N, C-alpha and C. Protein backbone atom coordinates (compact mmCIF):
# COMPACT_ATOMS: atom_id res chain seq x y z
N MET A 1 91.40 60.81 99.12
CA MET A 1 91.21 62.16 100.18
C MET A 1 92.43 62.91 100.24
N GLY A 2 92.16 64.18 100.35
CA GLY A 2 93.38 65.02 100.24
C GLY A 2 93.26 66.26 101.19
N VAL A 3 94.24 67.16 101.16
CA VAL A 3 94.20 68.40 101.76
C VAL A 3 94.62 69.52 100.95
N GLY A 4 94.17 70.60 101.28
CA GLY A 4 94.59 71.83 100.33
C GLY A 4 95.05 72.83 101.25
N SER A 5 95.88 73.93 100.56
CA SER A 5 95.98 75.05 101.11
C SER A 5 95.26 76.20 100.82
N GLN A 6 95.29 77.47 101.53
CA GLN A 6 94.47 78.58 101.12
C GLN A 6 94.98 79.17 99.94
N GLN A 7 96.13 78.90 99.38
CA GLN A 7 96.69 79.35 98.13
C GLN A 7 95.95 78.48 96.87
N GLY A 8 95.23 77.43 97.28
CA GLY A 8 94.69 76.74 96.23
C GLY A 8 95.30 75.49 95.85
N GLY A 9 96.50 75.11 96.21
CA GLY A 9 97.31 73.98 95.80
C GLY A 9 96.63 72.79 96.81
N ALA A 10 96.95 71.70 96.30
CA ALA A 10 96.40 70.51 97.21
C ALA A 10 97.32 69.29 96.97
N ILE A 11 97.01 68.49 97.96
CA ILE A 11 97.80 67.16 97.88
C ILE A 11 96.59 66.13 98.02
N VAL A 12 96.59 65.08 97.01
CA VAL A 12 95.47 64.26 97.03
C VAL A 12 96.21 62.69 97.12
N PHE A 13 95.79 61.93 98.08
CA PHE A 13 96.29 60.62 98.40
C PHE A 13 95.54 59.72 97.47
N ASP A 14 96.27 58.98 96.53
CA ASP A 14 95.76 58.05 95.53
C ASP A 14 95.49 56.78 95.93
N ASN A 15 94.56 56.07 95.57
CA ASN A 15 94.19 54.74 95.89
C ASN A 15 93.49 54.20 94.57
N LEU A 16 93.02 52.97 94.54
CA LEU A 16 92.29 52.49 93.45
C LEU A 16 91.13 53.33 92.92
N PHE A 17 90.49 53.76 93.74
CA PHE A 17 89.17 54.72 93.48
C PHE A 17 89.54 56.20 92.83
N THR A 18 90.63 56.57 93.33
CA THR A 18 90.97 57.97 92.78
C THR A 18 91.75 57.90 91.46
N LEU A 19 92.49 56.74 91.27
CA LEU A 19 93.27 56.38 90.09
C LEU A 19 92.28 55.84 88.86
N ARG A 20 91.18 55.23 89.16
CA ARG A 20 90.18 54.76 88.50
C ARG A 20 89.49 56.08 87.73
N LEU A 21 88.99 56.98 88.69
CA LEU A 21 88.45 58.28 88.26
C LEU A 21 89.44 59.12 87.39
N GLN A 22 90.67 59.18 87.77
CA GLN A 22 91.59 59.85 86.76
C GLN A 22 91.69 59.14 85.36
N ILE A 23 91.86 58.06 85.44
CA ILE A 23 91.79 57.05 84.11
C ILE A 23 90.70 57.51 83.50
N GLU A 24 89.57 57.36 83.96
CA GLU A 24 88.22 57.69 83.07
C GLU A 24 88.19 59.03 82.73
N GLU A 25 88.65 60.09 83.36
CA GLU A 25 88.72 61.47 83.12
C GLU A 25 89.60 61.74 81.99
N THR A 26 90.85 61.09 82.08
CA THR A 26 91.76 61.33 80.93
C THR A 26 91.31 60.75 79.57
N CYS A 27 90.64 59.50 79.81
CA CYS A 27 89.98 58.82 78.50
C CYS A 27 88.89 59.81 77.98
N ARG A 28 88.17 60.49 78.75
CA ARG A 28 87.08 61.27 78.47
C ARG A 28 87.55 62.72 77.76
N LEU A 29 88.62 63.23 78.69
CA LEU A 29 89.17 64.46 78.10
C LEU A 29 89.78 64.21 76.74
N GLU A 30 90.70 63.21 76.65
CA GLU A 30 91.49 63.03 75.53
C GLU A 30 90.60 62.12 74.47
N ASN A 31 89.52 61.76 74.79
CA ASN A 31 88.72 61.06 73.72
C ASN A 31 89.32 59.79 73.14
N LEU A 32 89.80 59.12 74.37
CA LEU A 32 90.61 57.87 74.11
C LEU A 32 89.63 56.62 73.88
N THR A 33 89.52 56.13 72.52
CA THR A 33 88.77 55.02 72.20
C THR A 33 89.59 53.80 71.73
N ASN A 34 90.85 54.26 71.43
CA ASN A 34 91.79 52.96 71.10
C ASN A 34 92.00 51.98 72.36
N GLU A 35 91.93 50.84 72.12
CA GLU A 35 92.24 50.06 73.38
C GLU A 35 93.88 50.08 73.59
N ALA A 36 94.68 50.10 72.85
CA ALA A 36 95.94 50.14 73.15
C ALA A 36 96.33 51.47 73.86
N LEU A 37 95.75 52.65 73.65
CA LEU A 37 95.99 53.85 74.22
C LEU A 37 95.33 53.74 75.55
N ILE A 38 94.20 53.21 75.74
CA ILE A 38 93.43 53.26 77.08
C ILE A 38 94.43 52.05 77.88
N ALA A 39 94.96 50.94 77.16
CA ALA A 39 95.77 50.19 78.11
C ALA A 39 97.06 51.03 78.55
N GLU A 40 97.58 51.63 77.67
CA GLU A 40 98.86 52.56 78.26
C GLU A 40 98.45 53.49 79.21
N GLU A 41 97.35 54.16 79.33
CA GLU A 41 96.74 54.96 80.31
C GLU A 41 96.58 54.21 81.59
N ILE A 42 96.06 52.98 81.53
CA ILE A 42 96.15 52.12 82.83
C ILE A 42 97.32 51.82 83.43
N ARG A 43 98.31 51.36 82.40
CA ARG A 43 99.79 50.79 83.07
C ARG A 43 100.29 52.03 83.69
N ALA A 44 100.32 53.46 82.94
CA ALA A 44 100.83 54.56 83.59
C ALA A 44 100.32 54.80 84.93
N SER A 45 98.95 54.76 84.92
CA SER A 45 98.32 54.83 86.29
C SER A 45 98.80 53.89 87.21
N ASN A 46 98.88 52.57 86.80
CA ASN A 46 99.02 51.60 87.90
C ASN A 46 100.59 51.82 88.56
N GLU A 47 101.38 52.54 87.82
CA GLU A 47 102.67 52.89 88.29
C GLU A 47 102.45 53.68 89.76
N LEU A 48 101.37 54.59 89.60
CA LEU A 48 100.94 55.63 90.85
C LEU A 48 100.44 54.82 91.93
N MET A 49 99.81 53.55 91.97
CA MET A 49 99.33 53.08 92.96
C MET A 49 100.10 52.93 94.19
N PRO A 50 99.56 53.19 95.41
CA PRO A 50 100.19 52.92 96.56
C PRO A 50 100.52 51.50 96.60
N THR A 51 101.62 51.21 97.50
CA THR A 51 101.93 49.75 97.73
C THR A 51 101.83 49.54 99.09
N GLU A 52 101.87 48.40 99.70
CA GLU A 52 102.02 47.83 100.83
C GLU A 52 103.03 48.65 101.96
N ASN A 53 104.01 49.32 101.40
CA ASN A 53 104.90 49.90 101.87
C ASN A 53 105.09 51.39 101.71
N SER A 54 104.06 52.05 100.99
CA SER A 54 104.13 53.36 100.85
C SER A 54 102.81 53.82 100.49
N LEU A 55 102.69 55.11 100.74
CA LEU A 55 101.43 55.97 100.28
C LEU A 55 101.83 56.66 99.03
N ALA A 56 100.91 56.89 98.33
CA ALA A 56 101.18 57.64 97.06
C ALA A 56 100.20 58.93 96.90
N ALA A 57 100.55 60.03 96.45
CA ALA A 57 99.96 61.34 96.57
C ALA A 57 100.33 62.03 95.09
N THR A 58 99.39 62.73 94.67
CA THR A 58 99.37 63.76 93.57
C THR A 58 99.45 65.18 94.30
N LEU A 59 100.63 66.05 93.92
CA LEU A 59 100.48 67.18 94.45
C LEU A 59 100.31 68.14 93.43
N PHE A 60 99.27 69.18 93.57
CA PHE A 60 98.78 70.10 92.54
C PHE A 60 99.34 71.41 92.99
N ILE A 61 100.13 72.04 92.22
CA ILE A 61 100.71 73.35 92.53
C ILE A 61 99.80 74.45 92.04
N ALA A 62 99.18 75.26 92.62
CA ALA A 62 98.04 76.36 92.08
C ALA A 62 98.92 77.55 92.09
N VAL A 63 98.59 78.18 90.95
CA VAL A 63 99.28 79.57 90.43
C VAL A 63 98.23 80.71 90.61
N ALA A 64 98.31 81.70 91.41
CA ALA A 64 97.40 82.62 91.55
C ALA A 64 96.80 83.13 90.35
N PRO A 65 95.65 83.67 90.09
CA PRO A 65 95.27 84.24 88.99
C PRO A 65 96.11 85.45 88.85
N GLY A 66 96.58 85.85 87.63
CA GLY A 66 97.53 87.01 87.45
C GLY A 66 98.79 86.76 87.78
N ALA A 67 99.10 85.89 88.41
CA ALA A 67 100.70 85.44 88.38
C ALA A 67 101.30 84.65 87.25
N ASP A 68 102.41 84.96 86.98
CA ASP A 68 103.28 84.52 85.93
C ASP A 68 103.63 82.93 86.43
N ALA A 69 103.11 81.75 85.81
CA ALA A 69 103.18 80.73 86.17
C ALA A 69 104.58 80.20 85.97
N GLN A 70 105.38 80.53 84.96
CA GLN A 70 106.83 80.22 84.76
C GLN A 70 107.78 80.83 85.82
N VAL A 71 107.51 82.08 86.30
CA VAL A 71 108.27 82.57 87.47
C VAL A 71 107.77 81.75 88.82
N VAL A 72 106.52 81.48 89.18
CA VAL A 72 106.01 80.78 90.45
C VAL A 72 106.87 79.25 90.17
N LEU A 73 106.67 78.47 89.02
CA LEU A 73 107.26 77.25 88.91
C LEU A 73 108.86 77.37 89.10
N ARG A 74 109.35 78.30 88.62
CA ARG A 74 110.85 78.49 88.60
C ARG A 74 111.28 78.73 90.16
N GLU A 75 110.46 79.39 90.82
CA GLU A 75 110.74 79.66 92.41
C GLU A 75 110.68 78.39 93.11
N LEU A 76 109.97 77.49 92.57
CA LEU A 76 109.79 76.36 93.50
C LEU A 76 110.67 75.11 93.11
N VAL A 77 111.67 75.32 92.17
CA VAL A 77 112.56 74.34 92.04
C VAL A 77 113.14 73.79 93.14
N GLY A 78 113.29 72.43 93.39
CA GLY A 78 113.61 71.69 94.51
C GLY A 78 112.64 71.31 95.31
N LEU A 79 111.46 71.60 95.10
CA LEU A 79 110.32 71.16 95.95
C LEU A 79 110.31 69.89 96.43
N ASP A 80 110.85 69.17 95.52
CA ASP A 80 110.79 67.58 95.82
C ASP A 80 111.90 67.10 96.61
N GLU A 81 112.47 68.15 97.38
CA GLU A 81 113.27 67.87 98.72
C GLU A 81 112.69 68.20 99.70
N HIS A 82 111.42 68.81 99.79
CA HIS A 82 110.93 69.60 100.75
C HIS A 82 109.45 69.26 101.15
N LEU A 83 109.05 68.24 100.81
CA LEU A 83 107.49 67.49 101.17
C LEU A 83 107.80 66.59 102.21
N VAL A 84 107.15 66.84 103.44
CA VAL A 84 107.17 65.94 104.47
C VAL A 84 105.84 65.46 104.91
N MET A 85 105.79 64.45 105.15
CA MET A 85 104.45 63.80 105.85
C MET A 85 104.72 63.33 107.27
N HIS A 86 104.24 63.85 108.24
CA HIS A 86 104.26 63.44 109.74
C HIS A 86 103.26 62.68 110.05
N VAL A 87 103.50 61.39 110.46
CA VAL A 87 102.80 60.51 110.92
C VAL A 87 103.17 60.11 112.43
N GLY A 88 102.33 60.67 113.44
CA GLY A 88 102.71 60.64 114.82
C GLY A 88 104.26 61.11 114.82
N PRO A 89 105.15 60.54 115.48
CA PRO A 89 106.54 60.92 115.64
C PRO A 89 107.45 60.84 114.28
N HIS A 90 106.90 60.30 113.24
CA HIS A 90 107.74 59.76 112.00
C HIS A 90 107.54 60.81 110.97
N ALA A 91 108.64 61.38 110.66
CA ALA A 91 108.81 62.44 109.44
C ALA A 91 109.23 61.56 108.25
N ILE A 92 108.41 61.57 107.10
CA ILE A 92 108.58 60.92 106.15
C ILE A 92 108.64 61.72 104.94
N ARG A 93 109.88 61.84 104.38
CA ARG A 93 110.14 62.84 103.29
C ARG A 93 109.66 62.16 101.86
N ALA A 94 109.00 62.81 101.10
CA ALA A 94 108.38 62.36 100.03
C ALA A 94 109.44 61.97 98.83
N ALA A 95 109.28 60.99 98.15
CA ALA A 95 110.09 60.69 96.93
C ALA A 95 109.29 60.87 95.68
N PHE A 96 109.79 61.91 95.00
CA PHE A 96 108.97 62.33 93.82
C PHE A 96 109.39 61.51 92.59
N GLU A 97 108.36 61.37 91.62
CA GLU A 97 108.58 60.86 90.28
C GLU A 97 109.60 61.53 89.38
N ALA A 98 110.28 60.93 88.93
CA ALA A 98 111.52 61.56 88.10
C ALA A 98 111.01 62.14 86.90
N GLY A 99 111.57 63.32 86.44
CA GLY A 99 111.22 63.76 85.04
C GLY A 99 110.33 64.91 85.10
N ARG A 100 109.72 65.33 86.37
CA ARG A 100 108.73 66.33 86.39
C ARG A 100 109.39 67.62 86.88
N SER A 101 110.69 67.63 86.90
CA SER A 101 111.35 68.83 87.46
C SER A 101 112.69 69.09 86.59
N GLU A 102 113.02 70.40 86.25
CA GLU A 102 114.07 70.70 85.61
C GLU A 102 114.96 71.56 86.24
N ALA A 103 116.09 71.92 85.85
CA ALA A 103 117.13 72.90 86.46
C ALA A 103 116.33 74.31 86.76
N ASP A 104 115.35 74.74 85.82
CA ASP A 104 114.85 76.03 85.81
C ASP A 104 113.29 76.13 86.10
N ARG A 105 112.57 75.02 86.44
CA ARG A 105 111.27 74.90 86.76
C ARG A 105 110.73 73.43 87.06
N ILE A 106 109.49 73.51 87.46
CA ILE A 106 108.97 72.23 87.96
C ILE A 106 107.66 72.07 87.27
N SER A 107 106.90 70.99 87.33
CA SER A 107 105.78 70.76 86.65
C SER A 107 104.66 71.33 87.92
N ALA A 108 103.47 71.69 87.41
CA ALA A 108 102.45 71.99 88.44
C ALA A 108 101.87 70.78 89.02
N VAL A 109 101.98 69.77 88.36
CA VAL A 109 101.44 68.34 89.04
C VAL A 109 102.78 67.40 89.33
N GLN A 110 102.81 67.04 90.48
CA GLN A 110 103.81 66.26 90.85
C GLN A 110 103.25 64.97 91.54
N TYR A 111 103.89 63.86 91.27
CA TYR A 111 103.73 62.63 91.79
C TYR A 111 104.70 62.05 92.95
N ALA A 112 104.17 61.81 94.08
CA ALA A 112 105.06 61.59 95.20
C ALA A 112 104.67 60.43 95.96
N ARG A 113 105.56 59.78 96.39
CA ARG A 113 105.39 58.51 97.27
C ARG A 113 106.20 58.65 98.74
N PHE A 114 105.33 58.25 99.75
CA PHE A 114 105.97 58.36 100.92
C PHE A 114 106.15 56.96 101.46
N PRO A 115 107.43 56.53 101.55
CA PRO A 115 107.90 55.18 101.82
C PRO A 115 107.54 54.98 103.67
N LEU A 116 106.71 53.94 103.95
CA LEU A 116 106.52 53.68 105.23
C LEU A 116 107.22 52.62 105.78
N ALA A 117 108.17 52.93 106.62
CA ALA A 117 108.76 51.84 107.57
C ALA A 117 107.77 51.21 108.41
N PRO A 118 108.05 50.08 108.80
CA PRO A 118 107.08 49.35 109.77
C PRO A 118 106.28 50.18 110.97
N GLU A 119 107.21 50.88 111.53
CA GLU A 119 106.86 51.75 112.63
C GLU A 119 105.83 52.88 112.35
N ALA A 120 106.16 53.24 111.01
CA ALA A 120 105.16 54.57 110.57
C ALA A 120 103.93 53.94 110.01
N ARG A 121 104.13 52.67 109.42
CA ARG A 121 102.75 52.08 109.04
C ARG A 121 101.97 51.79 110.46
N ALA A 122 102.49 51.27 111.31
CA ALA A 122 101.77 50.80 112.51
C ALA A 122 101.18 52.03 113.15
N ALA A 123 101.90 53.25 113.23
CA ALA A 123 101.36 54.51 113.54
C ALA A 123 100.14 55.05 112.73
N LEU A 124 100.28 54.86 111.36
CA LEU A 124 99.11 55.10 110.58
C LEU A 124 97.78 54.29 110.83
N LEU A 125 98.11 53.08 111.28
CA LEU A 125 97.03 52.26 111.40
C LEU A 125 96.31 52.44 112.88
N THR A 126 97.09 53.09 113.57
CA THR A 126 96.55 53.49 115.07
C THR A 126 95.50 54.72 115.12
N GLU A 127 94.49 54.39 115.53
CA GLU A 127 93.50 55.29 115.60
C GLU A 127 94.01 56.73 116.29
N LYS A 128 93.42 57.96 115.89
CA LYS A 128 94.04 59.18 116.56
C LYS A 128 95.33 59.55 116.45
N THR A 129 96.24 58.79 115.66
CA THR A 129 97.66 59.14 115.29
C THR A 129 97.71 60.57 114.44
N PRO A 130 98.21 61.56 115.01
CA PRO A 130 98.26 62.84 114.25
C PRO A 130 98.84 62.71 113.21
N ILE A 131 98.32 63.27 111.92
CA ILE A 131 99.26 63.42 110.72
C ILE A 131 99.13 64.74 110.35
N ALA A 132 100.26 65.19 109.75
CA ALA A 132 100.41 66.55 109.21
C ALA A 132 101.32 66.50 107.91
N ILE A 133 100.95 67.44 107.00
CA ILE A 133 101.54 67.57 105.68
C ILE A 133 102.59 68.86 105.76
N GLU A 134 103.65 68.72 105.36
CA GLU A 134 104.50 69.99 105.70
C GLU A 134 105.32 70.26 104.24
N ILE A 135 105.35 71.33 103.77
CA ILE A 135 106.42 71.87 102.80
C ILE A 135 107.11 72.78 103.48
N ASP A 136 108.51 72.60 103.49
CA ASP A 136 109.52 73.39 104.19
C ASP A 136 110.46 74.14 103.14
N HIS A 137 110.05 74.39 101.81
CA HIS A 137 110.77 74.92 100.68
C HIS A 137 111.21 76.45 101.16
N PRO A 138 112.44 76.83 100.80
CA PRO A 138 112.72 78.20 101.26
C PRO A 138 111.72 79.23 100.72
N ASN A 139 110.98 78.92 99.48
CA ASN A 139 110.32 79.86 98.88
C ASN A 139 108.66 79.53 99.21
N TYR A 140 108.61 78.75 99.93
CA TYR A 140 106.99 78.22 100.15
C TYR A 140 106.99 77.52 101.58
N ARG A 141 106.55 77.94 102.51
CA ARG A 141 106.48 76.94 103.58
C ARG A 141 104.98 77.07 104.01
N TYR A 142 104.50 75.70 104.48
CA TYR A 142 103.09 75.65 104.66
C TYR A 142 102.87 74.10 105.49
N ARG A 143 102.20 74.16 106.54
CA ARG A 143 101.99 72.86 107.27
C ARG A 143 100.57 72.81 107.52
N VAL A 144 100.07 71.83 107.43
CA VAL A 144 98.54 71.39 107.74
C VAL A 144 98.40 70.32 108.58
N GLN A 145 97.60 70.33 109.61
CA GLN A 145 97.22 69.29 110.63
C GLN A 145 96.14 68.45 109.55
N CYS A 146 96.29 67.31 109.62
CA CYS A 146 95.23 66.58 108.82
C CYS A 146 94.07 65.97 109.75
N PRO A 147 92.81 65.88 109.34
CA PRO A 147 91.71 65.64 110.32
C PRO A 147 91.91 63.96 110.34
N GLU A 148 91.45 63.62 111.29
CA GLU A 148 91.27 62.14 111.69
C GLU A 148 90.84 61.28 110.60
N ALA A 149 89.81 61.89 109.89
CA ALA A 149 89.08 61.15 108.68
C ALA A 149 90.21 60.78 107.76
N LEU A 150 91.14 61.88 107.63
CA LEU A 150 92.03 61.49 106.49
C LEU A 150 93.04 60.33 107.01
N ARG A 151 93.48 60.04 108.24
CA ARG A 151 94.16 59.10 108.73
C ARG A 151 93.19 57.78 108.72
N ALA A 152 92.09 57.84 109.08
CA ALA A 152 91.26 56.75 108.89
C ALA A 152 90.97 56.30 107.54
N SER A 153 90.91 57.13 106.49
CA SER A 153 90.72 56.65 105.07
C SER A 153 92.09 56.09 104.70
N LEU A 154 93.14 56.58 105.05
CA LEU A 154 94.41 56.08 104.64
C LEU A 154 94.51 54.59 105.17
N ALA A 155 94.18 54.47 106.37
CA ALA A 155 94.41 53.31 107.17
C ALA A 155 93.46 52.26 106.53
N ALA A 156 92.41 52.68 106.18
CA ALA A 156 91.39 51.72 105.59
C ALA A 156 92.02 51.25 104.23
N ASP A 157 92.62 52.14 103.47
CA ASP A 157 93.17 51.71 102.11
C ASP A 157 94.52 50.98 102.37
N TYR A 158 95.22 51.12 103.24
CA TYR A 158 96.45 50.33 103.31
C TYR A 158 96.69 49.28 104.52
N GLY A 159 95.52 49.20 105.38
CA GLY A 159 95.49 48.35 106.53
C GLY A 159 95.32 46.89 106.17
């Protein structure tokens, strides 16, 4: 389950179901039939699985039609320091997968992990705990209050 912005970007929280779909889609799009290549795709996707102590998410950065993607992605360098998930009173800064950002640009697809301290995990598991996703980058600011259905979905996945 995920949330999106009016600009078209989105963050999708990963779980077994979403990663299985991702593997199937990659195998279909890349016409993977070799068992070793499929096994490698599964291995890579397993690294994106959430853990008992963290949530995992994929952040998709949308580039508006007509905009220069290189310029947009250059303006967002450092985004990996500016994604925060608020779970009740807990502000959890995302840890991004290495290698998806360079000094002069970032990838339009980012993989992030939100480490959950025991108190934040307990808050996530508590019904009606407010959750928000925030980007506080100097060139892009956005905050969305997440619906209770997202909190319940995450709690079901990680509870």
